[in-house]
């Protein structure tokens, strides 16, 4: 049972685990090894996180011999879309322009970045025009 695509909020730890699974299937030991340098998590902690993600439908598990192998059931773009949508709703009263204005005013966006955003918007408009 996958979560609603607009209702996927993950903690930093859960995101780190998902980033491992977005590269491909992995066992608890594989995930723990992949995060060993950056997080140094106990095997039991990784197992708990994966179990909780499975209960939410964000990952699925299959048995391979004596171990469980996990795979992501949601994509990174789905999670990003959901979490950014939540951020816009909670901090910017549902107005994505307010988020963009905030990024520009905080100097988190450089002029070259703005050109890229304009190109993305133009490409999106072109796709919308072809669908009509």
N, C-alpha and C. Protein backbone atom coordinates (compact mmCIF):
# COMPACT_ATOMS: atom_id res chain seq x y z
N UNK A 1 0.84 -1.18 0.00
CA UNK A 1 0.00 0.00 0.00
C UNK A 1 0.88 1.24 0.00
N UNK A 2 1.03 1.87 -1.12
CA UNK A 2 1.85 3.08 -1.23
C UNK A 2 1.09 4.27 -0.68
N UNK A 3 1.79 5.22 -0.07
CA UNK A 3 1.13 6.41 0.47
C UNK A 3 0.62 7.30 -0.66
N UNK A 4 -0.32 8.16 -0.31
CA UNK A 4 -0.76 9.15 -1.28
C UNK A 4 0.46 9.93 -1.75
N UNK A 5 0.57 10.18 -3.05
CA UNK A 5 1.77 10.83 -3.58
C UNK A 5 1.98 12.23 -3.03
N UNK A 6 0.93 12.83 -2.46
CA UNK A 6 1.10 14.17 -1.91
C UNK A 6 1.21 14.14 -0.38
N UNK A 7 1.46 12.95 0.19
CA UNK A 7 1.52 12.83 1.65
C UNK A 7 2.73 11.99 2.07
N UNK A 8 3.92 12.41 1.63
CA UNK A 8 5.13 11.68 1.96
C UNK A 8 6.11 12.63 2.63
N UNK A 9 6.05 12.70 3.93
CA UNK A 9 6.98 13.54 4.69
C UNK A 9 7.97 12.61 5.39
N UNK A 10 9.25 12.83 5.18
CA UNK A 10 10.28 11.98 5.75
C UNK A 10 11.27 12.80 6.58
N UNK A 11 11.79 12.18 7.62
CA UNK A 11 12.83 12.82 8.43
C UNK A 11 14.15 12.75 7.67
N UNK A 12 15.16 13.44 8.19
CA UNK A 12 16.49 13.39 7.56
C UNK A 12 17.04 11.97 7.52
N UNK A 13 16.88 11.23 8.61
CA UNK A 13 17.36 9.86 8.66
C UNK A 13 16.62 9.00 7.63
N UNK A 14 15.30 9.15 7.57
CA UNK A 14 14.53 8.39 6.60
C UNK A 14 14.94 8.74 5.17
N UNK A 15 15.21 10.01 4.92
CA UNK A 15 15.68 10.41 3.59
C UNK A 15 17.02 9.78 3.26
N UNK A 16 17.92 9.72 4.22
CA UNK A 16 19.21 9.08 3.99
C UNK A 16 19.04 7.61 3.64
N UNK A 17 18.14 6.93 4.33
CA UNK A 17 17.87 5.52 4.03
C UNK A 17 17.26 5.40 2.64
N UNK A 18 16.31 6.27 2.32
CA UNK A 18 15.67 6.22 1.00
C UNK A 18 16.67 6.48 -0.12
N UNK A 19 17.63 7.37 0.11
CA UNK A 19 18.64 7.65 -0.92
C UNK A 19 19.44 6.39 -1.26
N UNK A 20 19.66 5.54 -0.27
CA UNK A 20 20.33 4.26 -0.52
C UNK A 20 19.42 3.38 -1.38
N UNK A 21 18.13 3.32 -1.04
CA UNK A 21 17.20 2.46 -1.76
C UNK A 21 16.87 2.98 -3.15
N UNK A 22 16.98 4.27 -3.36
CA UNK A 22 16.73 4.81 -4.70
C UNK A 22 17.82 4.38 -5.68
N UNK A 23 18.95 3.92 -5.16
CA UNK A 23 20.02 3.39 -6.03
C UNK A 23 19.76 1.93 -6.38
N UNK A 24 18.88 1.26 -5.61
CA UNK A 24 18.56 -0.13 -5.88
C UNK A 24 18.22 -0.87 -4.59
N UNK A 25 17.80 -2.11 -4.73
CA UNK A 25 17.44 -2.92 -3.58
C UNK A 25 18.61 -3.06 -2.61
N UNK A 26 18.28 -3.20 -1.32
CA UNK A 26 19.33 -3.33 -0.32
C UNK A 26 18.78 -4.02 0.92
N UNK A 27 19.65 -4.79 1.56
CA UNK A 27 19.31 -5.40 2.85
C UNK A 27 19.59 -4.39 3.95
N UNK A 28 19.20 -4.74 5.18
CA UNK A 28 19.50 -3.89 6.33
C UNK A 28 21.01 -3.67 6.43
N UNK A 29 21.77 -4.75 6.25
CA UNK A 29 23.23 -4.65 6.33
C UNK A 29 23.79 -3.74 5.24
N UNK A 30 23.21 -3.84 4.02
CA UNK A 30 23.65 -2.99 2.92
C UNK A 30 23.41 -1.51 3.24
N UNK A 31 22.23 -1.22 3.77
CA UNK A 31 21.89 0.17 4.11
C UNK A 31 22.80 0.67 5.23
N UNK A 32 22.99 -0.16 6.25
CA UNK A 32 23.87 0.23 7.37
C UNK A 32 25.28 0.50 6.86
N UNK A 33 25.78 -0.35 5.95
CA UNK A 33 27.13 -0.15 5.41
C UNK A 33 27.20 1.13 4.58
N UNK A 34 26.16 1.40 3.80
CA UNK A 34 26.16 2.60 2.95
C UNK A 34 26.14 3.88 3.79
N UNK A 35 25.53 3.79 4.97
CA UNK A 35 25.43 4.98 5.83
C UNK A 35 26.46 4.99 6.96
N UNK A 36 27.33 4.00 6.97
CA UNK A 36 28.29 3.86 8.08
C UNK A 36 29.16 5.09 8.26
N UNK A 37 29.70 5.61 7.20
CA UNK A 37 30.61 6.74 7.31
C UNK A 37 29.90 8.02 7.73
N UNK A 38 28.74 8.27 7.13
CA UNK A 38 28.04 9.53 7.42
C UNK A 38 27.20 9.47 8.69
N UNK A 39 26.68 8.30 9.03
CA UNK A 39 25.75 8.20 10.15
C UNK A 39 26.22 7.27 11.26
N UNK A 40 26.93 6.20 10.91
CA UNK A 40 27.38 5.24 11.91
C UNK A 40 26.25 4.63 12.71
N UNK A 41 25.18 4.19 12.04
CA UNK A 41 24.00 3.67 12.72
C UNK A 41 24.14 2.19 13.06
N UNK A 42 23.54 1.80 14.16
CA UNK A 42 23.49 0.39 14.54
C UNK A 42 22.57 -0.34 13.57
N UNK A 43 22.86 -1.60 13.36
CA UNK A 43 22.04 -2.45 12.50
C UNK A 43 20.58 -2.42 12.93
N UNK A 44 20.33 -2.44 14.25
CA UNK A 44 18.96 -2.43 14.75
C UNK A 44 18.24 -1.12 14.45
N UNK A 45 18.96 -0.02 14.46
CA UNK A 45 18.36 1.28 14.12
C UNK A 45 17.92 1.29 12.66
N UNK A 46 18.78 0.81 11.78
CA UNK A 46 18.44 0.75 10.35
C UNK A 46 17.23 -0.17 10.15
N UNK A 47 17.22 -1.31 10.83
CA UNK A 47 16.10 -2.25 10.72
C UNK A 47 14.79 -1.60 11.16
N UNK A 48 14.85 -0.84 12.25
CA UNK A 48 13.66 -0.16 12.76
C UNK A 48 13.16 0.88 11.76
N UNK A 49 14.06 1.67 11.20
CA UNK A 49 13.67 2.69 10.22
C UNK A 49 13.02 2.02 9.00
N UNK A 50 13.63 0.95 8.51
CA UNK A 50 13.09 0.25 7.34
C UNK A 50 11.73 -0.37 7.65
N UNK A 51 11.55 -0.92 8.83
CA UNK A 51 10.26 -1.50 9.22
C UNK A 51 9.19 -0.42 9.25
N UNK A 52 9.53 0.72 9.80
CA UNK A 52 8.55 1.83 9.86
C UNK A 52 8.22 2.36 8.47
N UNK A 53 9.23 2.46 7.61
CA UNK A 53 8.98 2.90 6.24
C UNK A 53 8.11 1.89 5.50
N UNK A 54 8.32 0.61 5.77
CA UNK A 54 7.50 -0.44 5.14
C UNK A 54 6.06 -0.34 5.61
N UNK A 55 5.83 -0.08 6.90
CA UNK A 55 4.47 0.06 7.43
C UNK A 55 3.74 1.23 6.78
N UNK A 56 4.49 2.26 6.42
CA UNK A 56 3.90 3.43 5.75
C UNK A 56 3.72 3.21 4.26
N UNK A 57 4.28 2.12 3.73
CA UNK A 57 4.16 1.84 2.30
C UNK A 57 5.18 2.55 1.44
N UNK A 58 6.19 3.13 2.06
CA UNK A 58 7.22 3.87 1.32
C UNK A 58 8.28 2.93 0.76
N UNK A 59 8.45 1.79 1.43
CA UNK A 59 9.34 0.73 0.94
C UNK A 59 8.59 -0.58 1.00
N UNK A 60 9.08 -1.55 0.23
CA UNK A 60 8.54 -2.91 0.26
C UNK A 60 9.70 -3.85 0.53
N UNK A 61 9.39 -4.97 1.18
CA UNK A 61 10.42 -5.95 1.52
C UNK A 61 10.08 -7.29 0.90
N UNK A 62 11.13 -8.02 0.55
CA UNK A 62 10.97 -9.41 0.10
C UNK A 62 12.02 -10.23 0.82
N UNK A 63 11.70 -11.46 1.05
CA UNK A 63 12.63 -12.35 1.74
C UNK A 63 13.61 -12.93 0.74
N UNK A 64 14.88 -12.89 1.09
CA UNK A 64 15.94 -13.51 0.29
C UNK A 64 16.76 -14.37 1.26
N UNK A 65 16.41 -15.64 1.31
CA UNK A 65 17.04 -16.50 2.31
C UNK A 65 16.58 -16.09 3.69
N UNK A 66 17.52 -15.77 4.56
CA UNK A 66 17.18 -15.39 5.93
C UNK A 66 17.06 -13.89 6.13
N UNK A 67 17.33 -13.12 5.09
CA UNK A 67 17.27 -11.67 5.28
C UNK A 67 16.18 -11.04 4.42
N UNK A 68 15.78 -9.85 4.82
CA UNK A 68 14.83 -9.07 4.03
C UNK A 68 15.61 -8.12 3.14
N UNK A 69 15.12 -7.98 1.90
CA UNK A 69 15.71 -7.05 0.96
C UNK A 69 14.64 -6.01 0.66
N UNK A 70 15.01 -4.75 0.79
CA UNK A 70 14.05 -3.64 0.66
C UNK A 70 14.23 -2.92 -0.66
N UNK A 71 13.13 -2.36 -1.14
CA UNK A 71 13.16 -1.49 -2.32
C UNK A 71 12.19 -0.33 -2.08
N UNK A 72 12.51 0.79 -2.69
CA UNK A 72 11.65 1.96 -2.57
C UNK A 72 10.39 1.75 -3.41
N UNK A 73 9.25 2.17 -2.88
CA UNK A 73 8.00 2.11 -3.64
C UNK A 73 7.56 3.50 -4.09
N UNK A 74 8.30 4.51 -3.66
CA UNK A 74 8.05 5.88 -4.10
C UNK A 74 9.36 6.43 -4.66
N UNK A 75 9.26 7.31 -5.61
CA UNK A 75 10.46 7.86 -6.24
C UNK A 75 10.92 9.12 -5.51
N UNK A 76 12.16 9.47 -5.78
CA UNK A 76 12.70 10.69 -5.18
C UNK A 76 11.90 11.92 -5.61
N UNK A 77 11.53 12.05 -6.91
CA UNK A 77 10.72 13.22 -7.28
C UNK A 77 9.36 13.26 -6.57
N UNK A 78 8.75 12.10 -6.30
CA UNK A 78 7.47 12.08 -5.57
C UNK A 78 7.67 12.63 -4.15
N UNK A 79 8.72 12.19 -3.49
CA UNK A 79 8.99 12.63 -2.12
C UNK A 79 9.31 14.12 -2.12
N UNK A 80 10.15 14.54 -3.05
CA UNK A 80 10.52 15.96 -3.13
C UNK A 80 9.27 16.81 -3.35
N UNK A 81 8.41 16.40 -4.28
CA UNK A 81 7.19 17.15 -4.59
C UNK A 81 6.31 17.26 -3.34
N UNK A 82 6.15 16.15 -2.64
CA UNK A 82 5.32 16.13 -1.45
C UNK A 82 5.88 17.04 -0.36
N UNK A 83 7.18 16.89 -0.10
CA UNK A 83 7.77 17.66 1.00
C UNK A 83 7.86 19.14 0.69
N UNK A 84 8.13 19.49 -0.55
CA UNK A 84 8.15 20.91 -0.92
C UNK A 84 6.73 21.47 -0.86
N UNK A 85 5.76 20.66 -1.28
CA UNK A 85 4.36 21.09 -1.18
C UNK A 85 3.97 21.35 0.26
N UNK A 86 4.39 20.47 1.17
CA UNK A 86 4.11 20.67 2.60
C UNK A 86 4.77 21.95 3.11
N UNK A 87 6.01 22.17 2.68
CA UNK A 87 6.74 23.38 3.08
C UNK A 87 6.01 24.64 2.60
N UNK A 88 5.59 24.61 1.36
CA UNK A 88 4.88 25.77 0.80
C UNK A 88 3.58 26.02 1.56
N UNK A 89 2.85 24.93 1.87
CA UNK A 89 1.59 25.08 2.61
C UNK A 89 1.83 25.64 4.00
N UNK A 90 2.81 25.07 4.71
CA UNK A 90 2.98 25.46 6.11
C UNK A 90 3.68 26.79 6.31
N UNK A 91 4.68 27.10 5.48
CA UNK A 91 5.44 28.33 5.70
C UNK A 91 5.05 29.49 4.79
N UNK A 92 4.46 29.17 3.63
CA UNK A 92 4.19 30.23 2.66
C UNK A 92 2.72 30.31 2.28
N UNK A 93 1.84 29.78 3.16
CA UNK A 93 0.39 29.86 2.98
C UNK A 93 -0.06 29.37 1.61
N UNK A 94 0.61 28.36 1.09
CA UNK A 94 0.21 27.74 -0.18
C UNK A 94 0.64 28.49 -1.42
N UNK A 95 1.47 29.51 -1.27
CA UNK A 95 1.88 30.33 -2.42
C UNK A 95 3.32 30.01 -2.84
N UNK A 96 3.50 29.25 -3.94
CA UNK A 96 4.86 28.91 -4.36
C UNK A 96 5.68 30.14 -4.75
N UNK A 97 5.03 31.20 -5.19
CA UNK A 97 5.76 32.43 -5.53
C UNK A 97 6.43 33.02 -4.30
N UNK A 98 5.78 32.85 -3.14
CA UNK A 98 6.37 33.37 -1.90
C UNK A 98 7.66 32.61 -1.56
N UNK A 99 7.69 31.32 -1.83
CA UNK A 99 8.92 30.55 -1.62
C UNK A 99 10.02 31.05 -2.55
N UNK A 100 9.70 31.23 -3.80
CA UNK A 100 10.68 31.72 -4.77
C UNK A 100 11.17 33.12 -4.37
N UNK A 101 10.25 33.99 -3.97
CA UNK A 101 10.63 35.33 -3.53
C UNK A 101 11.56 35.26 -2.32
N UNK A 102 11.26 34.35 -1.40
CA UNK A 102 12.10 34.18 -0.22
C UNK A 102 13.51 33.75 -0.62
N UNK A 103 13.62 32.78 -1.51
CA UNK A 103 14.94 32.30 -1.95
C UNK A 103 15.74 33.42 -2.61
N UNK A 104 15.07 34.23 -3.42
CA UNK A 104 15.75 35.33 -4.10
C UNK A 104 16.17 36.39 -3.07
N UNK A 105 15.26 36.73 -2.16
CA UNK A 105 15.59 37.79 -1.19
C UNK A 105 16.68 37.36 -0.22
N UNK A 106 16.80 36.07 0.05
CA UNK A 106 17.84 35.57 0.94
C UNK A 106 19.14 35.30 0.20
N UNK A 107 19.17 35.63 -1.07
CA UNK A 107 20.35 35.45 -1.93
C UNK A 107 20.75 33.97 -2.06
N UNK A 108 19.75 33.08 -1.92
CA UNK A 108 19.98 31.65 -2.13
C UNK A 108 19.91 31.31 -3.61
N UNK A 109 19.48 32.26 -4.42
CA UNK A 109 19.36 32.07 -5.86
C UNK A 109 20.23 33.11 -6.55
N UNK A 110 21.14 32.65 -7.39
CA UNK A 110 22.03 33.55 -8.13
C UNK A 110 21.43 33.86 -9.49
N UNK A 111 21.90 34.93 -10.18
CA UNK A 111 21.36 35.28 -11.49
C UNK A 111 21.39 34.10 -12.48
N UNK A 112 22.42 33.31 -12.47
CA UNK A 112 22.47 32.15 -13.37
C UNK A 112 21.39 31.14 -13.03
N UNK A 113 21.07 31.03 -11.75
CA UNK A 113 20.01 30.13 -11.32
C UNK A 113 18.66 30.62 -11.84
N UNK A 114 18.46 31.92 -11.81
CA UNK A 114 17.20 32.48 -12.29
C UNK A 114 17.01 32.20 -13.78
N UNK A 115 18.09 32.27 -14.54
CA UNK A 115 18.01 31.95 -15.97
C UNK A 115 17.60 30.49 -16.17
N UNK A 116 18.12 29.60 -15.33
CA UNK A 116 17.75 28.18 -15.42
C UNK A 116 16.27 27.99 -15.09
N UNK A 117 15.78 28.69 -14.06
CA UNK A 117 14.37 28.60 -13.69
C UNK A 117 13.50 29.11 -14.83
N UNK A 118 13.90 30.23 -15.45
CA UNK A 118 13.14 30.76 -16.57
C UNK A 118 13.10 29.76 -17.73
N UNK A 119 14.22 29.08 -17.99
CA UNK A 119 14.26 28.08 -19.05
C UNK A 119 13.34 26.90 -18.71
N UNK A 120 13.33 26.48 -17.45
CA UNK A 120 12.44 25.40 -17.03
C UNK A 120 10.97 25.79 -17.19
N UNK A 121 10.67 27.03 -16.81
CA UNK A 121 9.29 27.52 -16.96
C UNK A 121 8.89 27.57 -18.43
N UNK A 122 9.79 28.03 -19.28
CA UNK A 122 9.50 28.10 -20.71
C UNK A 122 9.29 26.69 -21.29
N UNK A 123 10.12 25.75 -20.88
CA UNK A 123 9.98 24.37 -21.36
C UNK A 123 8.67 23.76 -20.88
N UNK A 124 8.29 24.06 -19.64
CA UNK A 124 7.04 23.55 -19.09
C UNK A 124 5.86 24.13 -19.86
N UNK A 125 5.90 25.41 -20.16
CA UNK A 125 4.85 26.04 -20.95
C UNK A 125 4.76 25.41 -22.34
N UNK A 126 5.91 25.08 -22.92
CA UNK A 126 5.93 24.42 -24.23
C UNK A 126 5.26 23.06 -24.18
N UNK A 127 5.51 22.29 -23.12
CA UNK A 127 4.88 20.97 -22.95
C UNK A 127 3.38 21.12 -22.76
N UNK A 128 2.98 22.10 -21.98
CA UNK A 128 1.54 22.31 -21.74
C UNK A 128 0.85 22.70 -23.03
N UNK A 129 1.51 23.50 -23.84
CA UNK A 129 0.93 23.90 -25.11
C UNK A 129 0.73 22.74 -26.06
N UNK A 130 1.63 21.78 -26.05
CA UNK A 130 1.53 20.60 -26.92
C UNK A 130 0.43 19.67 -26.48
N UNK A 131 0.11 19.63 -25.17
CA UNK A 131 -0.94 18.76 -24.64
C UNK A 131 -2.33 19.23 -24.99
N UNK A 132 -2.45 20.50 -25.25
CA UNK A 132 -3.78 21.09 -25.50
C UNK A 132 -4.31 20.73 -26.83
